[in-house]
Amino acid sequence: APGKQRELVATITSGGSTNYVNSVKGRFTISRDNVKNTVYLQMNNLK
């Protein structure tokens, strides 16, 4: 965000393990499609 440091939101490993910053837990979901070589971030209940 403007004037703020870069913040880690979510990660996903090659094995599928995920991790989230506390502020987005329960609202955001990270996923990956290895066939399409695409990573997604589904963001619900945006603030």
All heavy atoms as atom14 arrays in JSON, in Angstrom:
{
  "sequence": "APGKQRELVATITSGGSTNYVNSVKGRFTISRDNVKNTVYLQMNNLK",
  "atom14_mask": [
    [1, 1, 1, 1, 1, 0, 0, 0, 0, 0, 0, 0, 0, 0],
    [1, 1, 1, 1, 1, 1, 1, 0, 0, 0, 0, 0, 0, 0],
    [1, 1, 1, 1, 0, 0, 0, 0, 0, 0, 0, 0, 0, 0],
    [1, 1, 1, 1, 1, 1, 1, 1, 1, 0, 0, 0, 0, 0],
    [1, 1, 1, 1, 1, 1, 1, 1, 1, 0, 0, 0, 0, 0],
    [1, 1, 1, 1, 1, 1, 1, 1, 1, 1, 1, 0, 0, 0],
    [1, 1, 1, 1, 1, 1, 1, 1, 1, 0, 0, 0, 0, 0],
    [1, 1, 1, 1, 1, 1, 1, 1, 0, 0, 0, 0, 0, 0],
    [1, 1, 1, 1, 1, 1, 1, 0, 0, 0, 0, 0, 0, 0],
    [1, 1, 1, 1, 1, 0, 0, 0, 0, 0, 0, 0, 0, 0],
    [1, 1, 1, 1, 1, 1, 1, 0, 0, 0, 0, 0, 0, 0],
    [1, 1, 1, 1, 1, 1, 1, 1, 0, 0, 0, 0, 0, 0],
    [1, 1, 1, 1, 1, 1, 1, 0, 0, 0, 0, 0, 0, 0],
    [1, 1, 1, 1, 1, 1, 0, 0, 0, 0, 0, 0, 0, 0],
    [1, 1, 1, 1, 0, 0, 0, 0, 0, 0, 0, 0, 0, 0],
    [1, 1, 1, 1, 0, 0, 0, 0, 0, 0, 0, 0, 0, 0],
    [1, 1, 1, 1, 1, 1, 0, 0, 0, 0, 0, 0, 0, 0],
    [1, 1, 1, 1, 1, 1, 1, 0, 0, 0, 0, 0, 0, 0],
    [1, 1, 1, 1, 1, 1, 1, 1, 0, 0, 0, 0, 0, 0],
    [1, 1, 1, 1, 1, 1, 1, 1, 1, 1, 1, 1, 0, 0],
    [1, 1, 1, 1, 1, 1, 1, 0, 0, 0, 0, 0, 0, 0],
    [1, 1, 1, 1, 1, 1, 1, 1, 0, 0, 0, 0, 0, 0],
    [1, 1, 1, 1, 1, 1, 0, 0, 0, 0, 0, 0, 0, 0],
    [1, 1, 1, 1, 1, 1, 1, 0, 0, 0, 0, 0, 0, 0],
    [1, 1, 1, 1, 1, 1, 1, 1, 1, 0, 0, 0, 0, 0],
    [1, 1, 1, 1, 0, 0, 0, 0, 0, 0, 0, 0, 0, 0],
    [1, 1, 1, 1, 1, 1, 1, 1, 1, 1, 1, 0, 0, 0],
    [1, 1, 1, 1, 1, 1, 1, 1, 1, 1, 1, 0, 0, 0],
    [1, 1, 1, 1, 1, 1, 1, 0, 0, 0, 0, 0, 0, 0],
    [1, 1, 1, 1, 1, 1, 1, 1, 0, 0, 0, 0, 0, 0],
    [1, 1, 1, 1, 1, 1, 0, 0, 0, 0, 0, 0, 0, 0],
    [1, 1, 1, 1, 1, 1, 1, 1, 1, 1, 1, 0, 0, 0],
    [1, 1, 1, 1, 1, 1, 1, 1, 0, 0, 0, 0, 0, 0],
    [1, 1, 1, 1, 1, 1, 1, 1, 0, 0, 0, 0, 0, 0],
    [1, 1, 1, 1, 1, 1, 1, 0, 0, 0, 0, 0, 0, 0],
    [1, 1, 1, 1, 1, 1, 1, 1, 1, 0, 0, 0, 0, 0],
    [1, 1, 1, 1, 1, 1, 1, 1, 0, 0, 0, 0, 0, 0],
    [1, 1, 1, 1, 1, 1, 1, 0, 0, 0, 0, 0, 0, 0],
    [1, 1, 1, 1, 1, 1, 1, 0, 0, 0, 0, 0, 0, 0],
    [1, 1, 1, 1, 1, 1, 1, 1, 1, 1, 1, 1, 0, 0],
    [1, 1, 1, 1, 1, 1, 1, 1, 0, 0, 0, 0, 0, 0],
    [1, 1, 1, 1, 1, 1, 1, 1, 1, 0, 0, 0, 0, 0],
    [1, 1, 1, 1, 1, 1, 1, 1, 0, 0, 0, 0, 0, 0],
    [1, 1, 1, 1, 1, 1, 1, 1, 0, 0, 0, 0, 0, 0],
    [1, 1, 1, 1, 1, 1, 1, 1, 0, 0, 0, 0, 0, 0],
    [1, 1, 1, 1, 1, 1, 1, 1, 0, 0, 0, 0, 0, 0],
    [1, 1, 1, 1, 1, 1, 1, 1, 1, 0, 0, 0, 0, 0]
  ],
  "atom14_positions": [
    [[0.85, -1.18, 0.0], [0.0, 0.0, 0.0], [0.89, 1.24, 0.0], [2.04, 1.18, 0.45], [-0.9, -0.01, 1.23], [0.0, 0.0, 0.0], [0.0, 0.0, 0.0], [0.0, 0.0, 0.0], [0.0, 0.0, 0.0], [0.0, 0.0, 0.0], [0.0, 0.0, 0.0], [0.0, 0.0, 0.0], [0.0, 0.0, 0.0], [0.0, 0.0, 0.0]],
    [[0.38, 2.37, -0.5], [1.18, 3.6, -0.53], [1.72, 3.97, 0.85], [0.98, 3.98, 1.82], [0.19, 4.64, -1.04], [-0.8, 3.86, -1.82], [-0.94, 2.55, -1.11], [0.0, 0.0, 0.0], [0.0, 0.0, 0.0], [0.0, 0.0, 0.0], [0.0, 0.0, 0.0], [0.0, 0.0, 0.0], [0.0, 0.0, 0.0], [0.0, 0.0, 0.0]],
    [[3.02, 4.21, 0.92], [3.63, 4.61, 2.17], [3.87, 3.5, 3.16], [4.3, 3.75, 4.29], [0.0, 0.0, 0.0], [0.0, 0.0, 0.0], [0.0, 0.0, 0.0], [0.0, 0.0, 0.0], [0.0, 0.0, 0.0], [0.0, 0.0, 0.0], [0.0, 0.0, 0.0], [0.0, 0.0, 0.0], [0.0, 0.0, 0.0], [0.0, 0.0, 0.0]],
    [[3.6, 2.25, 2.75], [3.78, 1.11, 3.65], [4.77, 0.11, 3.07], [5.01, 0.1, 1.86], [2.44, 0.43, 3.92], [1.45, 1.28, 4.7], [0.24, 0.48, 5.09], [-0.72, 1.3, 5.94], [-1.91, 0.5, 6.37], [0.0, 0.0, 0.0], [0.0, 0.0, 0.0], [0.0, 0.0, 0.0], [0.0, 0.0, 0.0], [0.0, 0.0, 0.0]],
    [[5.32, -0.72, 3.92], [6.23, -1.75, 3.47], [5.47, -2.88, 2.77], [4.29, -3.1, 3.04], [7.01, -2.32, 4.66], [8.05, -1.37, 5.24], [8.93, -2.05, 6.27], [8.52, -3.02, 6.9], [10.14, -1.55, 6.43], [0.0, 0.0, 0.0], [0.0, 0.0, 0.0], [0.0, 0.0, 0.0], [0.0, 0.0, 0.0], [0.0, 0.0, 0.0]],
    [[6.18, -3.55, 1.89], [5.6, -4.71, 1.23], [5.31, -5.79, 2.27], [6.13, -6.07, 3.14], [6.56, -5.24, 0.16], [5.99, -6.33, -0.72], [6.92, -6.61, -1.88], [7.01, -5.46, -2.78], [7.7, -5.46, -3.92], [8.36, -6.55, -4.28], [7.74, -4.39, -4.66], [0.0, 0.0, 0.0], [0.0, 0.0, 0.0], [0.0, 0.0, 0.0]],
    [[4.14, -6.4, 2.14], [3.67, -7.36, 3.13], [3.37, -8.7, 2.47], [2.71, -8.74, 1.42], [2.4, -6.82, 3.79], [1.71, -7.74, 4.75], [0.38, -7.21, 5.24], [-0.38, -6.68, 4.42], [0.09, -7.37, 6.43], [0.0, 0.0, 0.0], [0.0, 0.0, 0.0], [0.0, 0.0, 0.0], [0.0, 0.0, 0.0], [0.0, 0.0, 0.0]],
    [[3.82, -9.77, 3.1], [3.47, -11.1, 2.62], [2.01, -11.38, 2.94], [1.59, -11.24, 4.09], [4.36, -12.15, 3.28], [4.03, -13.6, 2.99], [4.19, -13.92, 1.52], [4.89, -14.53, 3.84], [0.0, 0.0, 0.0], [0.0, 0.0, 0.0], [0.0, 0.0, 0.0], [0.0, 0.0, 0.0], [0.0, 0.0, 0.0], [0.0, 0.0, 0.0]],
    [[1.25, -11.8, 1.95], [-0.16, -12.1, 2.14], [-0.39, -13.6, 2.28], [-1.05, -14.05, 3.23], [-1.0, -11.56, 0.96], [-2.47, -11.94, 1.13], [-0.85, -10.06, 0.84], [0.0, 0.0, 0.0], [0.0, 0.0, 0.0], [0.0, 0.0, 0.0], [0.0, 0.0, 0.0], [0.0, 0.0, 0.0], [0.0, 0.0, 0.0], [0.0, 0.0, 0.0]],
    [[0.14, -14.38, 1.34], [-0.08, -15.83, 1.36], [0.99, -16.51, 0.54], [1.51, -15.93, -0.41], [-1.46, -16.16, 0.8], [0.0, 0.0, 0.0], [0.0, 0.0, 0.0], [0.0, 0.0, 0.0], [0.0, 0.0, 0.0], [0.0, 0.0, 0.0], [0.0, 0.0, 0.0], [0.0, 0.0, 0.0], [0.0, 0.0, 0.0], [0.0, 0.0, 0.0]],
    [[1.31, -17.74, 0.92], [2.26, -18.55, 0.18], [1.72, -19.95, -0.01], [0.87, -20.42, 0.76], [3.61, -18.66, 0.89], [3.41, -19.25, 2.18], [4.27, -17.3, 1.05], [0.0, 0.0, 0.0], [0.0, 0.0, 0.0], [0.0, 0.0, 0.0], [0.0, 0.0, 0.0], [0.0, 0.0, 0.0], [0.0, 0.0, 0.0], [0.0, 0.0, 0.0]],
    [[2.22, -20.62, -1.06], [1.89, -22.01, -1.3], [3.14, -22.7, -1.82], [3.81, -22.19, -2.72], [0.7, -22.15, -2.27], [0.29, -23.62, -2.42], [1.0, -21.52, -3.62], [-1.07, -23.8, -3.08], [0.0, 0.0, 0.0], [0.0, 0.0, 0.0], [0.0, 0.0, 0.0], [0.0, 0.0, 0.0], [0.0, 0.0, 0.0], [0.0, 0.0, 0.0]],
    [[3.47, -23.84, -1.22], [4.66, -24.56, -1.64], [4.35, -25.51, -2.79], [3.19, -25.71, -3.16], [5.21, -25.39, -0.47], [4.27, -26.44, -0.17], [5.43, -24.53, 0.76], [0.0, 0.0, 0.0], [0.0, 0.0, 0.0], [0.0, 0.0, 0.0], [0.0, 0.0, 0.0], [0.0, 0.0, 0.0], [0.0, 0.0, 0.0], [0.0, 0.0, 0.0]],
    [[5.4, -26.1, -3.34], [5.2, -27.06, -4.43], [4.41, -28.28, -3.95], [3.74, -28.94, -4.74], [6.55, -27.51, -4.99], [7.36, -28.05, -3.95], [0.0, 0.0, 0.0], [0.0, 0.0, 0.0], [0.0, 0.0, 0.0], [0.0, 0.0, 0.0], [0.0, 0.0, 0.0], [0.0, 0.0, 0.0], [0.0, 0.0, 0.0], [0.0, 0.0, 0.0]],
    [[4.43, -28.53, -2.65], [3.67, -29.64, -2.09], [2.25, -29.27, -1.71], [1.47, -30.13, -1.3], [0.0, 0.0, 0.0], [0.0, 0.0, 0.0], [0.0, 0.0, 0.0], [0.0, 0.0, 0.0], [0.0, 0.0, 0.0], [0.0, 0.0, 0.0], [0.0, 0.0, 0.0], [0.0, 0.0, 0.0], [0.0, 0.0, 0.0], [0.0, 0.0, 0.0]],
    [[1.92, -27.98, -1.84], [0.55, -27.55, -1.57], [0.31, -26.97, -0.2], [-0.82, -26.58, 0.13], [0.0, 0.0, 0.0], [0.0, 0.0, 0.0], [0.0, 0.0, 0.0], [0.0, 0.0, 0.0], [0.0, 0.0, 0.0], [0.0, 0.0, 0.0], [0.0, 0.0, 0.0], [0.0, 0.0, 0.0], [0.0, 0.0, 0.0], [0.0, 0.0, 0.0]],
    [[1.34, -26.88, 0.62], [1.16, -26.27, 1.94], [0.98, -24.77, 1.8], [1.66, -24.13, 1.01], [2.38, -26.56, 2.82], [2.53, -27.94, 3.03], [0.0, 0.0, 0.0], [0.0, 0.0, 0.0], [0.0, 0.0, 0.0], [0.0, 0.0, 0.0], [0.0, 0.0, 0.0], [0.0, 0.0, 0.0], [0.0, 0.0, 0.0], [0.0, 0.0, 0.0]],
    [[0.06, -24.23, 2.6], [-0.26, -22.81, 2.5], [-0.01, -22.09, 3.81], [-0.02, -22.7, 4.9], [-1.72, -22.6, 2.09], [-2.58, -23.23, 3.07], [-2.0, -23.2, 0.72], [0.0, 0.0, 0.0], [0.0, 0.0, 0.0], [0.0, 0.0, 0.0], [0.0, 0.0, 0.0], [0.0, 0.0, 0.0], [0.0, 0.0, 0.0], [0.0, 0.0, 0.0]],
    [[0.18, -20.79, 3.7], [0.4, -19.97, 4.87], [-0.18, -18.59, 4.58], [-0.11, -18.12, 3.44], [1.89, -19.85, 5.19], [2.13, -19.18, 6.52], [1.46, -19.47, 7.5], [3.08, -18.26, 6.56], [0.0, 0.0, 0.0], [0.0, 0.0, 0.0], [0.0, 0.0, 0.0], [0.0, 0.0, 0.0], [0.0, 0.0, 0.0], [0.0, 0.0, 0.0]],
    [[-0.75, -17.95, 5.61], [-1.41, -16.66, 5.42], [-1.01, -15.69, 6.53], [-0.79, -16.1, 7.68], [-2.94, -16.82, 5.45], [-3.5, -17.74, 4.4], [-3.65, -19.1, 4.65], [-3.88, -17.24, 3.16], [-4.15, -19.94, 3.68], [-4.39, -18.08, 2.19], [-4.52, -19.43, 2.45], [-5.03, -20.25, 1.49], [0.0, 0.0, 0.0], [0.0, 0.0, 0.0]],
    [[-1.01, -14.42, 6.18], [-0.87, -13.4, 7.21], [-2.17, -13.37, 8.0], [-3.26, -13.65, 7.47], [-0.56, -12.02, 6.57], [-1.73, -11.51, 5.76], [-0.13, -11.04, 7.63], [0.0, 0.0, 0.0], [0.0, 0.0, 0.0], [0.0, 0.0, 0.0], [0.0, 0.0, 0.0], [0.0, 0.0, 0.0], [0.0, 0.0, 0.0], [0.0, 0.0, 0.0]],
    [[-2.07, -13.07, 9.3], [-3.25, -13.17, 10.17], [-4.43, -12.33, 9.67], [-5.58, -12.74, 9.82], [-2.88, -12.75, 11.59], [-2.07, -13.81, 12.31], [-2.09, -14.98, 11.96], [-1.34, -13.39, 13.33], [0.0, 0.0, 0.0], [0.0, 0.0, 0.0], [0.0, 0.0, 0.0], [0.0, 0.0, 0.0], [0.0, 0.0, 0.0], [0.0, 0.0, 0.0]],
    [[-4.14, -11.19, 9.09], [-5.22, -10.27, 8.72], [-6.1, -10.8, 7.59], [-7.19, -10.25, 7.37], [-4.64, -8.91, 8.33], [-3.75, -9.04, 7.24], [0.0, 0.0, 0.0], [0.0, 0.0, 0.0], [0.0, 0.0, 0.0], [0.0, 0.0, 0.0], [0.0, 0.0, 0.0], [0.0, 0.0, 0.0], [0.0, 0.0, 0.0], [0.0, 0.0, 0.0]],
    [[-5.68, -11.82, 6.87], [-6.48, -12.34, 5.77], [-6.97, -13.76, 6.01], [-7.72, -14.3, 5.2], [-5.72, -12.28, 4.42], [-5.18, -10.89, 4.17], [-4.63, -13.33, 4.35], [0.0, 0.0, 0.0], [0.0, 0.0, 0.0], [0.0, 0.0, 0.0], [0.0, 0.0, 0.0], [0.0, 0.0, 0.0], [0.0, 0.0, 0.0], [0.0, 0.0, 0.0]],
    [[-6.57, -14.37, 7.1], [-6.99, -15.74, 7.4], [-8.51, -15.82, 7.47], [-9.16, -14.99, 8.12], [-6.36, -16.21, 8.71], [-4.91, -16.58, 8.59], [-4.34, -17.08, 9.93], [-2.87, -17.44, 9.79], [-2.29, -17.89, 11.08], [0.0, 0.0, 0.0], [0.0, 0.0, 0.0], [0.0, 0.0, 0.0], [0.0, 0.0, 0.0], [0.0, 0.0, 0.0]],
    [[-9.06, -16.82, 6.8], [-10.49, -16.99, 6.78], [-11.18, -16.21, 5.68], [-12.37, -16.4, 5.43], [0.0, 0.0, 0.0], [0.0, 0.0, 0.0], [0.0, 0.0, 0.0], [0.0, 0.0, 0.0], [0.0, 0.0, 0.0], [0.0, 0.0, 0.0], [0.0, 0.0, 0.0], [0.0, 0.0, 0.0], [0.0, 0.0, 0.0], [0.0, 0.0, 0.0]],
    [[-10.46, -15.3, 5.04], [-11.03, -14.5, 3.96], [-10.38, -14.77, 2.61], [-11.05, -14.74, 1.57], [-10.91, -13.0, 4.28], [-11.59, -12.57, 5.56], [-11.61, -11.05, 5.69], [-10.27, -10.49, 5.77], [-9.8, -9.55, 4.93], [-10.56, -9.1, 3.95], [-8.58, -9.06, 5.1], [0.0, 0.0, 0.0], [0.0, 0.0, 0.0], [0.0, 0.0, 0.0]],
    [[-9.07, -15.0, 2.6], [-8.33, -15.22, 1.37], [-7.92, -16.69, 1.26], [-7.63, -17.34, 2.27], [-7.06, -14.36, 1.34], [-7.29, -12.88, 1.2], [-8.55, -12.31, 1.31], [-6.21, -12.04, 0.95], [-8.75, -10.95, 1.18], [-6.39, -10.68, 0.82], [-7.65, -10.13, 0.94], [0.0, 0.0, 0.0], [0.0, 0.0, 0.0], [0.0, 0.0, 0.0]],
    [[-7.86, -17.17, 0.02], [-7.4, -18.53, -0.24], [-6.44, -18.53, -1.42], [-6.79, -18.04, -2.5], [-8.57, -19.48, -0.55], [-9.51, -19.46, 0.54], [-8.07, -20.9, -0.75], [0.0, 0.0, 0.0], [0.0, 0.0, 0.0], [0.0, 0.0, 0.0], [0.0, 0.0, 0.0], [0.0, 0.0, 0.0], [0.0, 0.0, 0.0], [0.0, 0.0, 0.0]],
    [[-5.25, -19.08, -1.2], [-4.28, -19.22, -2.28], [-4.36, -20.64, -2.82], [-4.53, -21.6, -2.06], [-2.85, -18.88, -1.8], [-1.88, -18.83, -2.97], [-2.37, -19.85, -0.72], [-0.5, -18.28, -2.61], [0.0, 0.0, 0.0], [0.0, 0.0, 0.0], [0.0, 0.0, 0.0], [0.0, 0.0, 0.0], [0.0, 0.0, 0.0], [0.0, 0.0, 0.0]],
    [[-4.26, -20.78, -4.13], [-4.3, -22.1, -4.75], [-3.46, -22.07, -6.01], [-3.07, -21.0, -6.49], [-5.74, -22.51, -5.07], [-6.32, -21.62, -5.99], [0.0, 0.0, 0.0], [0.0, 0.0, 0.0], [0.0, 0.0, 0.0], [0.0, 0.0, 0.0], [0.0, 0.0, 0.0], [0.0, 0.0, 0.0], [0.0, 0.0, 0.0], [0.0, 0.0, 0.0]],
    [[-3.17, -23.25, -6.54], [-2.37, -23.32, -7.76], [-2.92, -24.4, -8.67], [-3.42, -25.43, -8.21], [-0.9, -23.57, -7.43], [-0.6, -24.89, -6.75], [0.82, -24.9, -6.19], [1.82, -24.77, -7.24], [3.11, -24.53, -7.01], [3.53, -24.37, -5.77], [3.95, -24.44, -8.0], [0.0, 0.0, 0.0], [0.0, 0.0, 0.0], [0.0, 0.0, 0.0]],
    [[-2.83, -24.14, -9.97], [-3.21, -25.1, -11.0], [-1.93, -25.42, -11.76], [-1.45, -24.61, -12.55], [-4.27, -24.49, -11.92], [-4.79, -25.49, -12.94], [-4.02, -26.35, -13.39], [-5.97, -25.39, -13.3], [0.0, 0.0, 0.0], [0.0, 0.0, 0.0], [0.0, 0.0, 0.0], [0.0, 0.0, 0.0], [0.0, 0.0, 0.0], [0.0, 0.0, 0.0]],
    [[-1.37, -26.6, -11.5], [-0.09, -26.96, -12.1], [-0.2, -27.23, -13.6], [0.79, -27.15, -14.31], [0.49, -28.17, -11.39], [0.91, -27.85, -9.96], [1.34, -26.74, -9.68], [0.77, -28.81, -9.08], [0.0, 0.0, 0.0], [0.0, 0.0, 0.0], [0.0, 0.0, 0.0], [0.0, 0.0, 0.0], [0.0, 0.0, 0.0], [0.0, 0.0, 0.0]],
    [[-1.38, -27.57, -14.06], [-1.58, -27.8, -15.5], [-1.57, -26.46, -16.24], [-0.94, -26.31, -17.28], [-2.9, -28.54, -15.76], [-3.16, -28.64, -17.26], [-2.86, -29.92, -15.12], [0.0, 0.0, 0.0], [0.0, 0.0, 0.0], [0.0, 0.0, 0.0], [0.0, 0.0, 0.0], [0.0, 0.0, 0.0], [0.0, 0.0, 0.0], [0.0, 0.0, 0.0]],
    [[-2.23, -25.47, -15.67], [-2.29, -24.15, -16.29], [-1.12, -23.26, -15.89], [-1.0, -22.13, -16.37], [-3.61, -23.46, -15.92], [-4.85, -24.16, -16.47], [-6.11, -23.38, -16.11], [-7.34, -24.05, -16.71], [-8.59, -23.3, -16.36], [0.0, 0.0, 0.0], [0.0, 0.0, 0.0], [0.0, 0.0, 0.0], [0.0, 0.0, 0.0], [0.0, 0.0, 0.0]],
    [[-0.28, -23.75, -14.98], [0.84, -22.93, -14.46], [0.34, -21.58, -13.99], [0.85, -20.51, -14.39], [1.92, -22.74, -15.53], [2.81, -23.96, -15.65], [2.98, -24.73, -14.71], [3.36, -24.16, -16.83], [0.0, 0.0, 0.0], [0.0, 0.0, 0.0], [0.0, 0.0, 0.0], [0.0, 0.0, 0.0], [0.0, 0.0, 0.0], [0.0, 0.0, 0.0]],
    [[-0.65, -21.62, -13.14], [-1.27, -20.4, -12.63], [-1.5, -20.53, -11.13], [-1.88, -21.6, -10.64], [-2.61, -20.14, -13.34], [-2.39, -20.03, -14.75], [-3.24, -18.84, -12.85], [0.0, 0.0, 0.0], [0.0, 0.0, 0.0], [0.0, 0.0, 0.0], [0.0, 0.0, 0.0], [0.0, 0.0, 0.0], [0.0, 0.0, 0.0], [0.0, 0.0, 0.0]],
    [[-1.25, -19.44, -10.44], [-1.54, -19.36, -9.01], [-2.65, -18.34, -8.81], [-2.65, -17.29, -9.48], [-0.29, -18.95, -8.21], [-0.63, -18.72, -6.74], [0.78, -20.01, -8.33], [0.0, 0.0, 0.0], [0.0, 0.0, 0.0], [0.0, 0.0, 0.0], [0.0, 0.0, 0.0], [0.0, 0.0, 0.0], [0.0, 0.0, 0.0], [0.0, 0.0, 0.0]],
    [[-3.57, -18.65, -7.92], [-4.72, -17.79, -7.69], [-4.74, -17.28, -6.25], [-4.22, -17.9, -5.34], [-6.02, -18.56, -7.95], [-6.13, -19.16, -9.32], [-5.82, -20.5, -9.54], [-6.52, -18.38, -10.41], [-5.9, -21.06, -10.8], [-6.6, -18.93, -11.68], [-6.3, -20.27, -11.87], [-6.38, -20.81, -13.12], [0.0, 0.0, 0.0], [0.0, 0.0, 0.0]],
    [[-5.37, -16.14, -6.08], [-5.67, -15.64, -4.74], [-7.14, -15.24, -4.74], [-7.51, -14.23, -5.33], [-4.79, -14.45, -4.36], [-4.98, -13.96, -2.93], [-4.47, -15.0, -1.93], [-4.25, -12.62, -2.71], [0.0, 0.0, 0.0], [0.0, 0.0, 0.0], [0.0, 0.0, 0.0], [0.0, 0.0, 0.0], [0.0, 0.0, 0.0], [0.0, 0.0, 0.0]],
    [[-7.96, -16.06, -4.12], [-9.37, -15.75, -3.97], [-9.54, -14.89, -2.74], [-9.16, -15.29, -1.63], [-10.2, -17.04, -3.82], [-11.67, -16.81, -3.61], [-12.36, -16.19, -4.8], [-12.11, -16.6, -5.95], [-13.21, -15.2, -4.58], [0.0, 0.0, 0.0], [0.0, 0.0, 0.0], [0.0, 0.0, 0.0], [0.0, 0.0, 0.0], [0.0, 0.0, 0.0]],
    [[-10.11, -13.71, -2.92], [-10.24, -12.76, -1.83], [-11.73, -12.49, -1.59], [-12.41, -11.95, -2.47], [-9.52, -11.45, -2.17], [-8.06, -11.64, -2.56], [-7.17, -10.1, -2.78], [-8.04, -9.43, -4.19], [0.0, 0.0, 0.0], [0.0, 0.0, 0.0], [0.0, 0.0, 0.0], [0.0, 0.0, 0.0], [0.0, 0.0, 0.0], [0.0, 0.0, 0.0]],
    [[-12.2, -12.88, -0.43], [-13.61, -12.68, -0.05], [-13.71, -11.7, 1.1], [-12.74, -11.46, 1.82], [-14.24, -14.01, 0.34], [-14.25, -15.02, -0.8], [-14.35, -14.65, -1.97], [-14.15, -16.29, -0.46], [0.0, 0.0, 0.0], [0.0, 0.0, 0.0], [0.0, 0.0, 0.0], [0.0, 0.0, 0.0], [0.0, 0.0, 0.0], [0.0, 0.0, 0.0]],
    [[-14.9, -11.16, 1.28], [-15.14, -10.23, 2.37], [-14.06, -9.15, 2.41], [-13.46, -8.88, 3.46], [-15.21, -10.97, 3.71], [-15.71, -10.09, 4.84], [-16.38, -9.08, 4.6], [-15.39, -10.46, 6.06], [0.0, 0.0, 0.0], [0.0, 0.0, 0.0], [0.0, 0.0, 0.0], [0.0, 0.0, 0.0], [0.0, 0.0, 0.0], [0.0, 0.0, 0.0]],
    [[-13.84, -8.52, 1.28], [-12.79, -7.51, 1.17], [-13.06, -6.33, 2.09], [-14.22, -5.95, 2.33], [-12.68, -7.04, -0.27], [-11.97, -8.02, -1.22], [-12.27, -7.67, -2.67], [-10.48, -8.01, -0.96], [0.0, 0.0, 0.0], [0.0, 0.0, 0.0], [0.0, 0.0, 0.0], [0.0, 0.0, 0.0], [0.0, 0.0, 0.0], [0.0, 0.0, 0.0]],
    [[-11.97, -5.76, 2.58], [-12.03, -4.6, 3.46], [-11.23, -3.46, 2.85], [-10.29, -3.71, 2.08], [-11.46, -4.97, 4.83], [-12.16, -6.13, 5.52], [-11.49, -6.46, 6.84], [-12.2, -7.63, 7.52], [-11.58, -7.96, 8.83], [0.0, 0.0, 0.0], [0.0, 0.0, 0.0], [0.0, 0.0, 0.0], [0.0, 0.0, 0.0], [0.0, 0.0, 0.0]]
  ]
}
